């Protein structure tokens, strides 16, 4: 009887031990899953999301700057000196091992679990950290989006990422070189010229640069040669500049007004008349206009009150006298 009782008591104890362990394991697994979710929220959501209970302290506490004996400012959280990434005033600071906030450009581990709102004495541990480029102002606060440093603009669209190459910001395109510096002025990329204005935005359409006009298509590439816009022909030389006045193209002469539009028909220039075909080409020799014949010299100038080279008389209006 006693042996049977001992056996039953032992079985009950074992059952209780196993059940307790199962509950603890379940609670631990549930807690771990919650920690992962909470930590992901912290990294994604920004400031004031706590570090998990899985080996690291939760801290909702408000950090406080204190002035040390040497005059330096040190950040405290829960009465201890803060380290690594700290959520402060709706932004971030990074506290180095010397307990001082870093400034300027820094290559640092990205904001991640195990590095947020920790203080001296914490068991700081992370996975293999990814690193990124960050910029902190003179007060040590993290700067994002547009950053101006040492005479150059940079764009940081997300934490740790400095823009390079073409980047679209609020429906405007900008170009950043390999070091992340925003470019302005003329830029040749893969044999194509683009113009970036003083604010860095890529221009399209007509743009005036140093008293010359250029045309950039909807993709920003500079155009050359003939261009028809709204029914008007323009000629853009090899440098892309819009031509005005007299221009010779492939051995033929054309005339462009002060707005750059190609002229056709009769044009008066320097007290002389010239005639341009519908194609814009300057005509020479005999041309008929409004039922009358006119003679244009080799220079294109209309003959007036004289005999033509082939012996015909023209009057003061240039018309052939029959």
Protein backbone atom coordinates (compact mmCIF):
# COMPACT_ATOMS: atom_id res chain seq x y z
CA UNK A 1 0.00 0.00 0.00
CA UNK A 2 2.80 2.42 0.95
CA UNK A 3 4.66 1.59 -2.30
CA UNK A 4 1.51 2.33 -4.28
CA UNK A 5 1.04 5.71 -2.52
CA UNK A 6 4.68 6.69 -3.15
CA UNK A 7 4.29 5.77 -6.80
CA UNK A 8 1.12 7.87 -7.15
CA UNK A 9 2.71 10.86 -5.41
CA UNK A 10 5.79 10.59 -7.65
CA UNK A 11 3.66 10.41 -10.75
CA UNK A 12 1.66 13.47 -9.65
CA UNK A 13 4.86 15.43 -8.98
CA UNK A 14 6.29 14.48 -12.35
CA UNK A 15 3.08 15.45 -14.05
CA UNK A 16 3.05 18.81 -12.27
CA UNK A 17 6.73 19.39 -13.18
CA UNK A 18 6.11 18.59 -16.84
CA UNK A 19 2.98 20.72 -16.97
CA UNK A 20 4.77 23.63 -15.32
CA UNK A 21 7.66 23.37 -17.75
CA UNK A 22 5.26 23.21 -20.68
CA UNK A 23 3.48 26.34 -19.47
CA UNK A 24 6.78 28.14 -18.92
CA UNK A 25 8.00 27.07 -22.34
CA UNK A 26 4.77 28.25 -23.94
CA UNK A 27 4.98 31.55 -22.09
CA UNK A 28 8.61 31.93 -23.10
CA UNK A 29 7.76 31.17 -26.75
CA UNK A 30 4.86 33.61 -26.65
CA UNK A 31 7.03 36.28 -25.02
CA UNK A 32 9.77 35.76 -27.58
CA UNK A 33 7.34 36.16 -30.46
CA UNK A 34 5.98 39.32 -28.87
CA UNK A 35 9.52 40.62 -28.43
CA UNK A 36 10.29 40.09 -32.09
CA UNK A 37 7.16 41.97 -33.11
CA UNK A 38 7.87 44.77 -30.66
CA UNK A 39 11.48 45.07 -31.74
CA UNK A 40 10.50 45.19 -35.41
CA UNK A 41 8.03 47.93 -34.55
CA UNK A 42 10.80 49.81 -32.84
CA UNK A 43 13.11 49.68 -35.82
CA UNK A 44 10.36 50.55 -38.28
CA UNK A 45 8.37 53.05 -36.30
CA UNK A 46 11.09 55.26 -34.90
CA UNK A 47 11.33 56.73 -31.45
CA UNK A 48 9.88 55.62 -28.15
CA UNK A 49 9.27 51.93 -28.87
CA UNK A 50 10.84 49.82 -26.11
CA UNK A 51 13.55 47.22 -26.35
CA UNK A 52 12.25 43.73 -25.69
CA UNK A 53 12.16 41.82 -22.42
CA UNK A 54 14.16 39.05 -24.06
CA UNK A 55 17.43 39.78 -22.30
CA UNK A 56 17.21 43.56 -22.81
CA UNK A 57 15.29 46.13 -20.75
CA UNK A 58 12.10 47.83 -21.81
CA UNK A 59 12.53 51.59 -21.49
CA UNK A 60 9.77 54.09 -22.03
CA UNK A 61 11.50 56.58 -19.77
CA UNK A 62 12.27 60.10 -20.97
CA UNK A 63 16.02 60.65 -21.41
CA UNK A 64 17.68 63.65 -19.81
CA UNK A 65 20.75 65.64 -20.79
CA UNK A 66 23.09 66.44 -17.90
CA UNK A 67 26.22 68.57 -17.81
CA UNK A 68 29.23 66.73 -16.43
CA UNK A 69 32.05 68.27 -14.38
CA UNK A 70 34.16 68.72 -17.50
CA UNK A 71 31.35 70.72 -19.12
CA UNK A 72 30.31 68.02 -21.58
CA UNK A 73 26.67 67.02 -22.07
CA UNK A 74 25.83 63.40 -21.32
CA UNK A 75 22.51 61.69 -21.91
CA UNK A 76 21.00 59.76 -18.99
CA UNK A 77 18.14 57.30 -19.01
CA UNK A 78 16.79 55.79 -15.80
CA UNK A 79 19.65 57.39 -13.91
CA UNK A 80 22.35 55.75 -16.02
CA UNK A 81 24.49 57.00 -18.87
CA UNK A 82 22.95 56.11 -22.22
CA UNK A 83 24.71 54.27 -25.03
CA UNK A 84 24.19 53.50 -28.74
CA UNK A 85 20.93 54.56 -30.44
CA UNK A 86 18.69 56.72 -28.26
CA UNK A 87 15.22 57.99 -29.08
CA UNK A 88 15.29 61.66 -28.10
CA UNK A 89 12.78 64.39 -28.88
CA UNK A 90 11.18 62.52 -31.78
CA UNK A 91 14.51 61.87 -33.43
CA UNK A 92 17.66 59.88 -32.76
CA UNK A 93 21.13 60.37 -31.33
CA UNK A 94 23.95 57.88 -31.25
CA UNK A 95 26.05 57.76 -28.09
CA UNK A 96 29.58 56.49 -28.50
CA UNK A 97 31.56 54.41 -26.01
CA UNK A 98 32.85 57.68 -24.52
CA UNK A 99 29.22 58.52 -23.62
CA UNK A 100 29.19 61.49 -25.97
CA UNK A 101 26.88 61.95 -28.99
CA UNK A 102 28.56 61.57 -32.37
CA UNK A 103 28.43 64.41 -34.90
CA UNK A 104 28.85 64.84 -38.65
CA UNK A 105 29.03 61.88 -41.04
CA UNK A 106 29.27 58.47 -39.39
CA UNK A 107 29.32 54.85 -40.52
CA UNK A 108 27.30 53.05 -37.84
CA UNK A 109 25.26 49.91 -37.24
CA UNK A 110 21.71 50.50 -38.40
CA UNK A 111 18.97 51.08 -35.84
CA UNK A 112 18.18 47.57 -34.63
CA UNK A 113 17.18 45.50 -31.65
CA UNK A 114 19.76 45.39 -28.92
CA UNK A 115 21.14 48.83 -29.71
CA UNK A 116 18.18 51.02 -28.75
CA UNK A 117 17.71 52.93 -25.48
CA UNK A 118 20.41 50.88 -23.73
CA UNK A 119 22.49 52.22 -20.84
CA UNK A 120 25.81 51.42 -19.24
CA UNK A 121 25.76 48.02 -17.61
CA UNK A 122 23.32 46.49 -20.10
CA UNK A 123 24.28 43.29 -21.85
CA UNK A 124 24.44 44.76 -25.33
CA UNK A 125 24.25 42.17 -28.06
CA UNK A 126 23.05 42.21 -31.64
CA UNK A 127 23.01 40.08 -34.72
CA UNK A 128 25.74 40.75 -37.27
CA UNK A 129 25.02 44.46 -37.71
CA UNK A 130 24.28 46.02 -41.06
CA UNK A 131 25.95 49.39 -41.37
CA UNK A 132 24.86 52.60 -43.03
CA UNK A 133 25.81 56.26 -43.50
CA UNK A 134 24.29 58.72 -41.05
CA UNK A 135 24.61 62.46 -40.54
CA UNK A 136 24.29 64.17 -37.16
CA UNK A 137 24.10 67.94 -36.66
CA UNK A 138 26.16 70.00 -34.20
CA UNK A 139 23.76 69.08 -31.41
CA UNK A 140 24.17 65.40 -32.21
CA UNK A 141 20.67 64.89 -33.63
CA UNK A 142 20.20 62.62 -36.64
CA UNK A 143 19.38 64.45 -39.86
CA UNK A 144 17.31 62.84 -42.58
CA UNK A 145 15.95 63.78 -46.02
CA UNK A 146 17.85 66.90 -47.20
CA UNK A 147 21.20 67.51 -45.49
CA UNK A 148 23.55 70.44 -46.18
CA UNK A 149 27.19 69.90 -45.23
CA UNK A 150 30.40 71.64 -46.25
CA UNK A 151 28.80 73.46 -49.17
CA UNK A 152 27.00 70.44 -50.61
CA UNK A 153 23.50 68.99 -50.44
CA UNK A 154 22.83 65.32 -49.77
CA UNK A 155 19.57 63.38 -49.71
CA UNK A 156 18.92 60.63 -47.18
CA UNK A 157 15.54 59.05 -48.03
CA UNK A 158 15.73 56.49 -45.25
CA UNK A 159 17.90 55.85 -42.26
CA UNK A 160 21.43 54.87 -43.22
CA UNK A 161 20.98 55.31 -46.98
CA UNK A 162 22.62 58.21 -48.84
CA UNK A 163 21.22 58.78 -52.33
CA UNK A 164 23.42 58.27 -55.38
CA UNK A 165 22.58 58.61 -59.06
CA UNK A 166 19.09 59.70 -60.14
CA UNK A 167 16.55 60.20 -57.37
CA UNK A 168 12.96 61.44 -57.63
CA UNK A 169 11.83 63.76 -54.83
CA UNK A 170 8.33 65.25 -54.92
CA UNK A 171 7.96 64.75 -58.68
CA UNK A 172 11.34 66.36 -59.47
CA UNK A 173 14.50 64.50 -60.47
CA UNK A 174 17.91 65.11 -58.90
CA UNK A 175 21.32 63.61 -59.56
CA UNK A 176 23.86 62.72 -56.86
CA UNK A 177 27.45 61.71 -57.57
CA UNK A 178 29.19 58.63 -56.17
CA UNK A 179 29.90 60.45 -52.90
CA UNK A 180 26.25 61.47 -52.55
CA UNK A 181 26.73 65.17 -53.44
CA UNK A 182 23.84 66.76 -55.31
CA UNK A 183 24.86 68.03 -58.75
CA UNK A 184 23.93 71.29 -60.47
CA UNK A 185 24.51 72.77 -63.93
CA UNK A 186 25.28 70.74 -67.05
CA UNK A 187 25.87 67.02 -66.54
CA UNK A 188 26.89 64.52 -69.23
CA UNK A 189 25.71 61.00 -68.38
CA UNK A 190 26.31 58.16 -70.82
CA UNK A 191 26.74 60.63 -73.66
CA UNK A 192 23.54 62.56 -72.89
CA UNK A 193 23.50 66.12 -71.55
CA UNK A 194 21.14 67.17 -68.75
CA UNK A 195 20.72 70.49 -67.02
CA UNK A 196 20.20 70.65 -63.25
CA UNK A 197 19.13 74.07 -61.97
CA UNK A 198 20.47 75.88 -58.91
CA UNK A 199 18.20 73.85 -56.64
CA UNK A 200 19.47 70.64 -58.29
CA UNK A 201 16.19 69.80 -60.03
CA UNK A 202 16.45 68.45 -63.59
CA UNK A 203 15.02 70.86 -66.16
CA UNK A 204 12.75 69.97 -69.07
CA UNK A 205 11.44 72.08 -71.95
CA UNK A 206 13.01 75.44 -72.75
CA UNK A 207 15.74 76.64 -70.40
CA UNK A 208 17.95 79.71 -70.65
CA UNK A 209 21.58 79.31 -69.61
CA UNK A 210 23.99 82.24 -69.91
CA UNK A 211 21.78 84.11 -72.40
CA UNK A 212 21.37 81.07 -74.64
CA UNK A 213 18.29 78.90 -74.98
CA UNK A 214 18.26 75.10 -74.93
CA UNK A 215 15.51 72.55 -75.28
CA UNK A 216 15.37 69.48 -73.04
CA UNK A 217 12.82 66.76 -73.74
CA UNK A 218 10.48 65.23 -71.18
CA UNK A 219 13.27 62.91 -70.01
CA UNK A 220 15.61 65.87 -69.51
CA UNK A 221 17.99 65.06 -72.37
CA UNK A 222 19.31 68.05 -74.32
CA UNK A 223 18.18 68.20 -77.95
CA UNK A 224 20.18 69.13 -81.04
CA UNK A 225 19.33 69.65 -84.70
CA UNK A 226 15.83 70.38 -86.04
CA UNK A 227 12.97 70.50 -83.54
CA UNK A 228 9.30 71.14 -84.33
CA UNK A 229 7.38 72.52 -81.35
CA UNK A 230 3.74 73.54 -81.66
CA UNK A 231 4.10 73.79 -85.42
CA UNK A 232 7.22 75.98 -85.32
CA UNK A 233 10.62 74.76 -86.48
CA UNK A 234 13.74 75.54 -84.44
CA UNK A 235 17.36 74.65 -85.02
CA UNK A 236 19.59 73.67 -82.08
CA UNK A 237 23.29 73.58 -82.88
CA UNK A 238 25.78 70.91 -81.83
CA UNK A 239 26.12 72.49 -78.39
CA UNK A 240 22.34 72.45 -78.03
CA UNK A 241 21.99 76.25 -78.22
CA UNK A 242 19.00 77.58 -80.16
CA UNK A 243 20.01 79.44 -83.31
CA UNK A 244 18.71 82.84 -84.41
CA UNK A 245 19.43 84.90 -87.54
CA UNK A 246 21.18 83.36 -90.53
CA UNK A 247 22.18 79.71 -90.25
CA UNK A 248 23.65 77.38 -92.86
CA UNK A 249 22.58 73.75 -92.53
CA UNK A 250 23.95 71.14 -94.93
CA UNK A 251 24.84 73.81 -97.48
CA UNK A 252 21.48 75.58 -97.37
CA UNK A 253 20.68 78.93 -95.77
CA UNK A 254 17.84 79.49 -93.33
CA UNK A 255 16.71 82.46 -91.31
CA UNK A 256 15.44 82.25 -87.72
CA UNK A 257 13.71 85.14 -85.96
CA UNK A 258 14.68 86.46 -82.54
CA UNK A 259 12.44 83.83 -80.91
CA UNK A 260 14.24 81.08 -82.79
CA UNK A 261 11.36 80.26 -85.13
CA UNK A 262 12.27 79.40 -88.73
CA UNK A 263 10.98 81.95 -91.27
CA UNK A 264 9.25 81.17 -94.55
CA UNK A 265 8.06 83.44 -97.34
CA UNK A 266 9.30 87.03 -97.63
CA UNK A 267 11.71 88.36 -94.97
CA UNK A 268 13.25 91.84 -94.90
CA UNK A 269 16.76 92.00 -93.51
CA UNK A 270 19.11 95.01 -93.62
CA UNK A 271 16.83 96.90 -96.07
CA UNK A 272 16.81 93.97 -98.51
CA UNK A 273 14.17 91.33 -99.22
CA UNK A 274 14.73 87.58 -99.23
CA UNK A 275 12.42 84.71 -99.99
CA UNK A 276 12.30 81.39 -98.13
CA UNK A 277 10.55 78.26 -99.36
CA UNK A 278 7.98 76.43 -97.16
CA UNK A 279 10.89 74.20 -96.12
CA UNK A 280 12.69 77.31 -94.87
CA UNK A 281 15.42 77.14 -97.50
CA UNK A 282 16.51 80.51 -98.91
CA UNK A 283 15.70 80.76 -102.60
CA UNK A 284 17.80 82.21 -105.43
CA UNK A 285 16.91 82.93 -109.07
CA UNK A 286 13.32 83.50 -110.25
CA UNK A 287 10.45 82.91 -107.85
CA UNK A 288 6.73 83.47 -108.31
CA UNK A 289 4.78 85.08 -105.50
CA UNK A 290 1.16 86.28 -105.60
CA UNK A 291 1.13 86.03 -109.41
CA UNK A 292 4.29 88.06 -109.95
CA UNK A 293 7.85 87.08 -110.72
CA UNK A 294 10.86 88.23 -108.71
CA UNK A 295 14.56 87.69 -109.16
CA UNK A 296 16.80 86.74 -106.22
CA UNK A 297 20.54 87.10 -106.59
CA UNK A 298 23.05 84.43 -105.59
CA UNK A 299 23.17 86.09 -102.14
CA UNK A 300 19.40 85.68 -101.91
CA UNK A 301 18.83 89.44 -102.08
CA UNK A 302 15.92 90.48 -104.29
CA UNK A 303 16.87 92.54 -107.36
CA UNK A 304 15.30 96.04 -107.43
CA UNK A 305 15.06 98.57 -110.31
CA UNK A 306 17.69 96.85 -112.42
CA UNK A 307 18.29 94.32 -115.13
CA UNK A 308 18.78 90.75 -113.93
CA UNK A 309 21.79 88.69 -114.85
CA UNK A 310 19.74 87.05 -117.58
CA UNK A 311 18.63 90.39 -119.07
CA UNK A 312 15.15 91.05 -117.65
CA UNK A 313 14.02 94.33 -116.09
CA UNK A 314 12.53 94.48 -112.60
CA UNK A 315 10.85 97.53 -111.06
CA UNK A 316 11.25 99.26 -107.70
CA UNK A 317 9.11 96.55 -106.03
CA UNK A 318 11.32 93.82 -107.52
CA UNK A 319 8.59 92.58 -109.88
CA UNK A 320 9.47 91.66 -113.47
CA UNK A 321 8.41 94.32 -115.95
CA UNK A 322 6.77 92.50 -118.81
